[in-house]
Amino acid sequence: MPSTKAKRRSVKSEAIKLIRGLPASSTWDDLMYRIYVRQKIEAGLSDFRSGKVHTHASIRKEFALP
């Protein structure tokens, strides 16, 4: 498992890549949106890898869908 320092370095390097990929006309909101989306994707992938998933059927049952 990577150390906290290694994780921080990884996050920093990924953030730099996100910033470099933005057009010059980007706003702070554009940057924050990209960071937010990336964070949510990473969290979803982490949940998937650790088995925290729901079946389609269980979601339909929870929300009383046919």
N, C-alpha and C. Protein backbone atom coordinates (compact mmCIF):
# COMPACT_ATOMS: atom_id res chain seq x y z
N MET A 1 0.85 -1.18 0.00
CA MET A 1 0.00 0.00 0.00
C MET A 1 0.90 1.24 0.00
N PRO A 2 0.60 2.22 -0.88
CA PRO A 2 1.44 3.42 -0.96
C PRO A 2 1.36 4.25 0.31
N SER A 3 2.47 4.91 0.64
CA SER A 3 2.50 5.77 1.81
C SER A 3 1.67 7.02 1.56
N THR A 4 1.38 7.74 2.63
CA THR A 4 0.62 8.98 2.51
C THR A 4 1.36 9.98 1.64
N LYS A 5 2.68 10.02 1.80
CA LYS A 5 3.49 10.94 1.00
C LYS A 5 3.42 10.58 -0.48
N ALA A 6 3.47 9.29 -0.79
CA ALA A 6 3.38 8.84 -2.18
C ALA A 6 2.00 9.15 -2.76
N LYS A 7 0.95 8.96 -1.96
CA LYS A 7 -0.41 9.27 -2.41
C LYS A 7 -0.53 10.76 -2.70
N ARG A 8 0.02 11.57 -1.79
CA ARG A 8 -0.04 13.02 -1.97
C ARG A 8 0.66 13.43 -3.25
N ARG A 9 1.83 12.84 -3.50
CA ARG A 9 2.59 13.15 -4.71
C ARG A 9 1.78 12.75 -5.94
N SER A 10 1.13 11.60 -5.87
CA SER A 10 0.32 11.13 -6.98
C SER A 10 -0.85 12.08 -7.25
N VAL A 11 -1.52 12.51 -6.19
CA VAL A 11 -2.64 13.43 -6.34
C VAL A 11 -2.14 14.74 -6.94
N LYS A 12 -1.01 15.20 -6.45
CA LYS A 12 -0.47 16.46 -6.96
C LYS A 12 -0.14 16.34 -8.44
N SER A 13 0.49 15.25 -8.83
CA SER A 13 0.86 15.09 -10.24
C SER A 13 -0.39 14.94 -11.11
N GLU A 14 -1.41 14.26 -10.62
CA GLU A 14 -2.66 14.14 -11.37
C GLU A 14 -3.37 15.49 -11.48
N ALA A 15 -3.33 16.28 -10.42
CA ALA A 15 -3.93 17.61 -10.46
C ALA A 15 -3.22 18.49 -11.49
N ILE A 16 -1.91 18.38 -11.53
CA ILE A 16 -1.14 19.16 -12.51
C ILE A 16 -1.54 18.75 -13.92
N LYS A 17 -1.73 17.45 -14.15
CA LYS A 17 -2.16 16.98 -15.47
C LYS A 17 -3.54 17.55 -15.82
N LEU A 18 -4.45 17.56 -14.84
CA LEU A 18 -5.78 18.13 -15.07
C LEU A 18 -5.68 19.60 -15.46
N ILE A 19 -4.86 20.34 -14.74
CA ILE A 19 -4.69 21.77 -15.02
C ILE A 19 -4.10 21.99 -16.40
N ARG A 20 -3.08 21.23 -16.73
CA ARG A 20 -2.45 21.39 -18.04
C ARG A 20 -3.39 21.03 -19.18
N GLY A 21 -4.37 20.17 -18.92
CA GLY A 21 -5.31 19.77 -19.95
C GLY A 21 -6.45 20.75 -20.17
N LEU A 22 -6.55 21.74 -19.31
CA LEU A 22 -7.62 22.74 -19.45
C LEU A 22 -7.26 23.79 -20.49
N PRO A 23 -8.25 24.29 -21.21
CA PRO A 23 -7.99 25.40 -22.14
C PRO A 23 -7.58 26.66 -21.36
N ALA A 24 -6.88 27.56 -22.01
CA ALA A 24 -6.41 28.79 -21.37
C ALA A 24 -7.56 29.65 -20.86
N SER A 25 -8.73 29.51 -21.46
CA SER A 25 -9.88 30.33 -21.06
C SER A 25 -10.67 29.73 -19.90
N SER A 26 -10.18 28.68 -19.28
CA SER A 26 -10.91 28.01 -18.20
C SER A 26 -11.07 28.89 -16.98
N THR A 27 -12.14 28.62 -16.25
CA THR A 27 -12.41 29.36 -15.01
C THR A 27 -12.07 28.46 -13.82
N TRP A 28 -12.11 29.07 -12.63
CA TRP A 28 -11.91 28.27 -11.42
C TRP A 28 -13.00 27.20 -11.33
N ASP A 29 -14.21 27.54 -11.74
CA ASP A 29 -15.31 26.57 -11.70
C ASP A 29 -15.03 25.38 -12.62
N ASP A 30 -14.43 25.63 -13.78
CA ASP A 30 -14.06 24.54 -14.69
C ASP A 30 -13.08 23.60 -14.01
N LEU A 31 -12.09 24.17 -13.37
CA LEU A 31 -11.08 23.36 -12.67
C LEU A 31 -11.70 22.58 -11.53
N MET A 32 -12.53 23.23 -10.73
CA MET A 32 -13.15 22.55 -9.59
C MET A 32 -14.06 21.42 -10.05
N TYR A 33 -14.76 21.64 -11.15
CA TYR A 33 -15.62 20.60 -11.70
C TYR A 33 -14.79 19.38 -12.10
N ARG A 34 -13.70 19.61 -12.79
CA ARG A 34 -12.85 18.49 -13.22
C ARG A 34 -12.28 17.73 -12.03
N ILE A 35 -11.87 18.47 -11.00
CA ILE A 35 -11.34 17.82 -9.80
C ILE A 35 -12.44 17.00 -9.14
N TYR A 36 -13.63 17.56 -9.03
CA TYR A 36 -14.77 16.87 -8.41
C TYR A 36 -15.10 15.57 -9.16
N VAL A 37 -15.20 15.66 -10.47
CA VAL A 37 -15.53 14.48 -11.27
C VAL A 37 -14.44 13.42 -11.12
N ARG A 38 -13.19 13.84 -11.18
CA ARG A 38 -12.08 12.88 -11.04
C ARG A 38 -12.13 12.19 -9.68
N GLN A 39 -12.40 12.98 -8.62
CA GLN A 39 -12.48 12.43 -7.27
C GLN A 39 -13.60 11.39 -7.17
N LYS A 40 -14.75 11.68 -7.76
CA LYS A 40 -15.88 10.76 -7.71
C LYS A 40 -15.59 9.48 -8.50
N ILE A 41 -14.93 9.61 -9.63
CA ILE A 41 -14.56 8.44 -10.42
C ILE A 41 -13.59 7.56 -9.64
N GLU A 42 -12.58 8.18 -9.03
CA GLU A 42 -11.60 7.43 -8.23
C GLU A 42 -12.29 6.71 -7.07
N ALA A 43 -13.23 7.39 -6.40
CA ALA A 43 -13.95 6.77 -5.28
C ALA A 43 -14.78 5.58 -5.77
N GLY A 44 -15.44 5.73 -6.91
CA GLY A 44 -16.23 4.64 -7.47
C GLY A 44 -15.38 3.44 -7.84
N LEU A 45 -14.24 3.68 -8.44
CA LEU A 45 -13.33 2.59 -8.79
C LEU A 45 -12.80 1.89 -7.55
N SER A 46 -12.51 2.67 -6.52
CA SER A 46 -12.04 2.09 -5.26
C SER A 46 -13.12 1.20 -4.63
N ASP A 47 -14.36 1.69 -4.62
CA ASP A 47 -15.47 0.89 -4.10
C ASP A 47 -15.64 -0.40 -4.90
N PHE A 48 -15.54 -0.30 -6.21
CA PHE A 48 -15.67 -1.47 -7.06
C PHE A 48 -14.58 -2.50 -6.75
N ARG A 49 -13.35 -2.03 -6.64
CA ARG A 49 -12.22 -2.94 -6.34
C ARG A 49 -12.38 -3.62 -4.98
N SER A 50 -13.01 -2.92 -4.02
CA SER A 50 -13.17 -3.51 -2.69
C SER A 50 -14.48 -4.28 -2.55
N GLY A 51 -15.22 -4.41 -3.64
CA GLY A 51 -16.44 -5.21 -3.61
C GLY A 51 -17.68 -4.48 -3.12
N LYS A 52 -17.60 -3.18 -2.95
CA LYS A 52 -18.75 -2.41 -2.49
C LYS A 52 -19.63 -2.07 -3.69
N VAL A 53 -20.40 -3.06 -4.13
CA VAL A 53 -21.25 -2.89 -5.30
C VAL A 53 -22.65 -3.39 -4.99
N HIS A 54 -23.61 -2.93 -5.77
CA HIS A 54 -25.00 -3.36 -5.64
C HIS A 54 -25.43 -3.96 -6.97
N THR A 55 -26.25 -4.98 -6.89
CA THR A 55 -26.78 -5.55 -8.12
C THR A 55 -27.91 -4.66 -8.65
N HIS A 56 -28.15 -4.80 -9.92
CA HIS A 56 -29.24 -4.05 -10.55
C HIS A 56 -30.56 -4.41 -9.85
N ALA A 57 -30.74 -5.68 -9.57
CA ALA A 57 -31.98 -6.15 -8.92
C ALA A 57 -32.15 -5.54 -7.53
N SER A 58 -31.07 -5.44 -6.76
CA SER A 58 -31.20 -4.88 -5.41
C SER A 58 -31.58 -3.40 -5.44
N ILE A 59 -31.08 -2.67 -6.41
CA ILE A 59 -31.42 -1.26 -6.55
C ILE A 59 -32.89 -1.11 -6.96
N ARG A 60 -33.33 -1.95 -7.89
CA ARG A 60 -34.73 -1.89 -8.32
C ARG A 60 -35.65 -2.21 -7.13
N LYS A 61 -35.25 -3.18 -6.33
CA LYS A 61 -36.07 -3.56 -5.17
C LYS A 61 -36.09 -2.42 -4.15
N GLU A 62 -34.95 -1.81 -3.88
CA GLU A 62 -34.86 -0.73 -2.90
C GLU A 62 -35.75 0.45 -3.27
N PHE A 63 -35.84 0.75 -4.56
CA PHE A 63 -36.64 1.88 -5.00
C PHE A 63 -38.01 1.46 -5.54
N ALA A 64 -38.41 0.24 -5.24
CA ALA A 64 -39.73 -0.30 -5.62
C ALA A 64 -40.00 -0.13 -7.11
N LEU A 65 -39.03 -0.48 -7.92
CA LEU A 65 -39.20 -0.41 -9.38
C LEU A 65 -39.53 -1.80 -9.91
N PRO A 66 -40.33 -1.88 -10.96
CA PRO A 66 -40.70 -3.20 -11.51
C PRO A 66 -39.52 -3.92 -12.13
